[in-house]
Protein backbone atom coordinates (compact mmCIF):
# COMPACT_ATOMS: atom_id res chain seq x y z
CA MET A 1 35.69 226.61 52.84
CA VAL A 2 35.19 222.99 53.84
CA LEU A 3 32.08 220.83 54.11
CA LEU A 4 32.30 218.53 57.12
CA THR A 5 29.90 215.63 56.63
CA GLY A 6 29.04 212.25 58.09
CA PRO A 7 26.18 210.46 59.81
CA SER A 8 24.88 211.56 63.20
CA GLY A 9 27.00 210.34 66.07
CA VAL A 10 30.18 209.93 64.03
CA GLY A 11 32.06 212.80 65.71
CA LYS A 12 31.61 215.79 63.37
CA SER A 13 31.06 218.30 66.17
CA THR A 14 34.12 217.05 68.04
CA LEU A 15 36.25 217.34 64.90
CA ALA A 16 34.86 220.80 64.10
CA ALA A 17 35.74 222.02 67.60
CA GLY A 18 39.23 220.56 67.28
CA LEU A 19 39.78 222.23 63.91
CA ALA A 20 38.50 225.56 65.23
CA ASN A 21 41.00 225.38 68.10
CA THR A 22 43.85 224.60 65.71
CA LEU A 23 43.27 226.54 62.50
CA PRO A 24 43.61 230.33 62.28
CA SER A 25 40.40 232.36 62.39
CA ALA A 26 38.09 229.42 61.81
CA ASP A 27 34.34 229.94 61.70
CA ILE A 28 32.15 226.91 62.36
CA ILE A 29 28.66 226.87 60.90
CA SER A 30 26.38 224.12 62.16
CA TYR A 31 23.71 223.64 59.52
CA GLY A 32 21.47 221.90 62.06
CA ASN A 33 21.66 224.89 64.39
CA VAL A 34 20.86 227.30 61.57
CA LEU A 35 17.82 225.23 60.61
CA PHE A 36 16.75 225.11 64.26
CA GLU A 37 16.99 228.90 64.60
CA CYS A 38 14.91 229.30 61.44
CA GLN A 39 12.26 227.01 62.91
CA ARG A 40 12.36 228.77 66.27
CA ALA A 41 11.71 232.10 64.55
CA GLU A 42 8.31 230.65 63.65
CA ASP A 43 7.81 228.85 66.97
CA PRO A 44 9.69 230.62 69.82
CA GLN A 45 8.69 227.86 72.28
CA LEU A 46 10.49 225.17 70.29
CA THR A 47 13.42 223.63 72.15
CA TYR A 48 16.44 222.04 70.51
CA ALA A 49 15.51 218.65 71.96
CA GLN A 50 12.02 218.94 70.46
CA PHE A 51 13.51 219.99 67.15
CA ARG A 52 15.85 216.99 67.06
CA GLU A 53 13.00 214.64 67.88
CA SER A 54 10.57 216.01 65.28
CA ALA A 55 12.75 217.60 62.58
CA SER A 56 11.83 215.03 59.93
CA ARG A 57 8.14 215.92 60.45
CA ILE A 58 8.17 219.68 60.97
CA VAL A 59 10.90 220.76 58.54
CA ALA A 60 9.53 221.19 55.02
CA PRO A 61 11.59 221.29 51.80
CA ALA A 62 10.91 225.04 51.59
CA ASP A 63 12.45 225.49 55.06
CA ILE A 64 15.58 223.66 53.95
CA ALA A 65 15.82 225.68 50.73
CA ALA A 66 15.57 228.92 52.72
CA ALA A 67 18.26 227.77 55.18
CA ASP A 68 20.49 226.72 52.27
CA LEU A 69 20.40 230.21 50.76
CA LEU A 70 20.90 231.84 54.16
CA VAL A 71 24.03 229.76 54.76
CA ALA A 72 25.35 230.33 51.23
CA ARG A 73 24.98 234.11 51.54
CA HIS A 74 26.69 234.08 54.93
CA ILE A 75 29.60 232.05 53.55
CA CYS A 76 30.03 234.57 50.72
CA ARG A 77 30.31 237.35 53.31
CA LEU A 78 32.66 235.40 55.54
CA ARG A 79 35.08 234.71 52.68
CA THR A 80 36.11 238.38 52.77
CA ILE A 81 37.08 238.35 56.45
CA VAL A 82 38.13 234.85 57.54
CA ARG A 83 40.47 232.24 56.13
CA VAL A 84 38.73 229.02 57.16
CA ILE A 85 35.00 228.26 57.09
CA LEU A 86 33.77 224.89 58.32
CA LEU A 87 30.19 223.92 57.50
CA GLU A 88 29.10 220.95 59.60
CA LEU A 89 26.10 219.10 58.23
CA HIS A 90 24.45 215.76 57.62
CA THR A 91 22.30 215.50 54.53
CA VAL A 92 20.37 212.34 55.41
CA THR A 93 17.62 212.39 58.03
CA VAL A 94 16.15 209.36 59.74
CA THR A 95 12.37 209.32 59.29
CA GLU A 96 9.49 207.11 60.37
CA HIS A 97 9.51 205.33 57.01
CA GLY A 98 13.28 205.10 56.57
CA PHE A 99 15.53 207.93 55.40
CA ARG A 100 15.24 211.28 53.65
CA ALA A 101 18.13 212.90 51.77
CA THR A 102 17.97 216.62 51.03
CA PRO A 103 21.29 217.61 49.41
CA PHE A 104 22.35 221.11 48.48
CA ARG A 105 21.22 222.13 45.01
CA PRO A 106 24.03 222.74 42.48
CA VAL A 107 23.29 226.49 42.46
CA VAL A 108 23.81 226.61 46.24
CA LEU A 109 27.08 224.69 46.04
CA ARG A 110 28.31 227.07 43.34
CA ARG A 111 27.68 229.99 45.68
CA MET A 112 29.45 228.27 48.55
CA ARG A 113 32.45 227.22 46.41
CA PRO A 114 33.78 224.57 48.81
CA ASP A 115 37.50 223.85 48.60
CA GLY A 116 37.05 220.34 49.94
CA VAL A 117 34.76 217.84 51.62
CA VAL A 118 35.82 215.97 54.77
CA HIS A 119 33.61 212.97 55.46
CA LEU A 120 33.78 211.00 58.70
CA THR A 121 32.82 207.36 58.58
CA ALA A 122 32.41 204.56 61.11
CA ARG A 123 31.68 200.87 61.11
CA PRO A 124 27.92 200.27 61.26
CA LYS A 125 28.05 198.49 64.62
CA ASP A 126 30.10 201.34 66.14
CA LEU A 127 27.76 203.92 64.67
CA ARG A 128 24.73 202.08 66.03
CA ARG A 129 26.33 201.98 69.48
CA ARG A 130 27.09 205.70 69.44
CA LEU A 131 23.60 206.59 68.29
CA ALA A 132 22.07 204.44 71.02
CA ALA A 133 24.21 206.20 73.63
CA GLN A 134 23.42 209.70 72.36
CA SER A 135 19.89 209.23 71.07
CA SER A 136 17.90 212.45 70.74
CA GLY A 137 15.68 211.96 67.78
CA ARG A 138 18.06 209.46 66.17
CA ARG A 139 15.84 206.47 65.49
CA ILE A 140 18.36 203.91 64.25
CA GLN A 141 17.20 200.54 65.56
CA SER A 142 19.67 198.15 63.95
CA VAL A 143 23.17 197.74 62.58
CA ASN A 144 21.60 197.33 59.15
CA GLY A 145 19.90 200.71 59.52
CA ALA A 146 23.18 202.30 60.59
CA GLU A 147 24.87 200.81 57.53
CA HIS A 148 22.23 202.31 55.22
CA LEU A 149 22.58 205.69 56.92
CA ALA A 150 26.37 205.67 56.61
CA ARG A 151 26.23 204.65 52.95
CA LEU A 152 23.72 207.37 52.04
CA GLN A 153 25.75 210.03 53.82
CA GLU A 154 28.91 208.95 52.01
CA GLN A 155 27.10 209.07 48.66
CA ALA A 156 25.93 212.60 49.47
CA ALA A 157 29.51 213.63 50.28
CA LEU A 158 30.68 212.22 46.94
CA LEU A 159 27.87 214.10 45.18
CA TYR A 160 29.04 217.37 46.77
CA SER A 161 32.63 216.68 45.76
CA CYS A 162 31.72 215.90 42.15
CA THR A 163 29.33 218.84 41.81
CA ALA A 164 31.74 221.35 43.33
CA GLY A 165 34.80 219.89 41.61
CA CYS A 166 36.74 219.59 44.86
CA SER A 167 38.50 216.82 46.76
CA LEU A 168 36.68 214.39 49.03
CA PHE A 169 38.55 213.06 52.06
CA VAL A 170 37.00 210.07 53.84
CA ILE A 171 38.35 209.60 57.37
CA ASP A 172 37.69 206.62 59.63
CA SER A 173 36.58 207.89 63.05
CA ALA A 174 37.51 204.64 64.84
CA PRO A 175 41.01 205.71 66.00
CA GLY A 176 39.55 208.48 68.18
CA PRO A 177 39.27 212.30 68.16
CA ASP A 178 42.98 213.16 68.39
CA VAL A 179 43.98 210.89 65.50
CA VAL A 180 41.00 211.99 63.42
CA LEU A 181 41.97 215.64 63.97
CA GLU A 182 45.53 215.01 62.80
CA HIS A 183 44.30 213.15 59.73
CA ALA A 184 41.90 215.99 58.92
CA LEU A 185 44.63 218.62 59.32
CA LYS A 186 46.87 216.72 56.90
CA CYS A 187 44.03 216.47 54.38
CA LEU A 188 43.26 220.18 54.64
CA ALA A 189 46.94 221.10 54.33
CA GLY A 190 46.86 219.34 50.97
CA ILE A 191 44.30 221.86 49.69
CA GLY A 192 46.08 224.89 51.13
CA ILE A 193 44.40 225.17 54.53
CA SER A 194 46.97 225.08 57.33
CA ARG A 195 47.41 226.22 60.90
CA THR A 196 50.20 228.69 59.99
CA VAL A 197 48.28 231.14 57.81
CA GLU A 198 48.22 234.77 58.96
CA GLN A 199 44.78 236.32 59.10
CA ASN A 200 43.20 239.76 59.04
CA TYR A 201 40.15 240.22 61.24
CA ASP A 202 37.08 242.40 60.90
CA ASP A 203 34.07 242.52 63.16
CA HIS A 204 31.06 240.74 61.77
CA VAL A 205 27.69 239.59 63.00
CA PRO A 206 27.65 235.79 63.15
CA LEU A 207 24.88 233.77 61.60
CA PRO A 208 22.84 231.71 64.08
CA GLY A 209 24.55 228.37 64.34
CA THR A 210 28.08 229.73 63.95
CA ALA A 211 30.91 229.90 66.43
CA THR A 212 33.88 232.11 65.64
CA ARG A 213 37.38 231.48 66.99
CA ARG A 214 39.67 234.51 66.77
CA SER A 215 43.28 235.18 67.67
CA SER A 216 45.92 237.81 66.94
CA LEU A 217 48.46 235.01 66.74
CA LYS A 218 48.93 232.54 63.91
CA ARG A 219 46.64 230.21 65.77
CA LYS A 220 45.75 228.93 69.20
């Protein structure tokens, strides 16, 4: 099980999709999507765009704690039926006053038992440019703000690594998606996660925010 972290706009979703298309029986869990589905259960009219725009205001600490436990329980179930679990998340949220970090509690990390943390990073000016091009609730107005965001996210990734007692791999996203994917695959191979592992499959009901890739072969 791998935590895939990094600031918004750094390319986590692209990397997660690439890993899912390369690794055997990979399940992707998007923490943001899980949190959105939890919020939509209370407000069925809520759209994802509205959620992205107002998440820092409408999501309370209790909502995050509930989503944390939901994800942790789902990961425990998935461990019995899939080889690779990728949890995509960003711990730091941009708010009206600055930033808010809501990391996993140690008890949640112990239940998840991550085997590694892959953290994507980018130069502040590149991150600011990407956020400006993809803005949907991402209120970074300056390179300085992007630098603070990147630093806080990296500190959160290090916290997860230290708490869980697993390796942290920091990958520069500048070379592009294909190179980043190859770097990530090499890092994961170092902790025993490779594209050549045989897998047994059982039917299971996916958690909201997950996307399962299955194959009877060693991997797509």
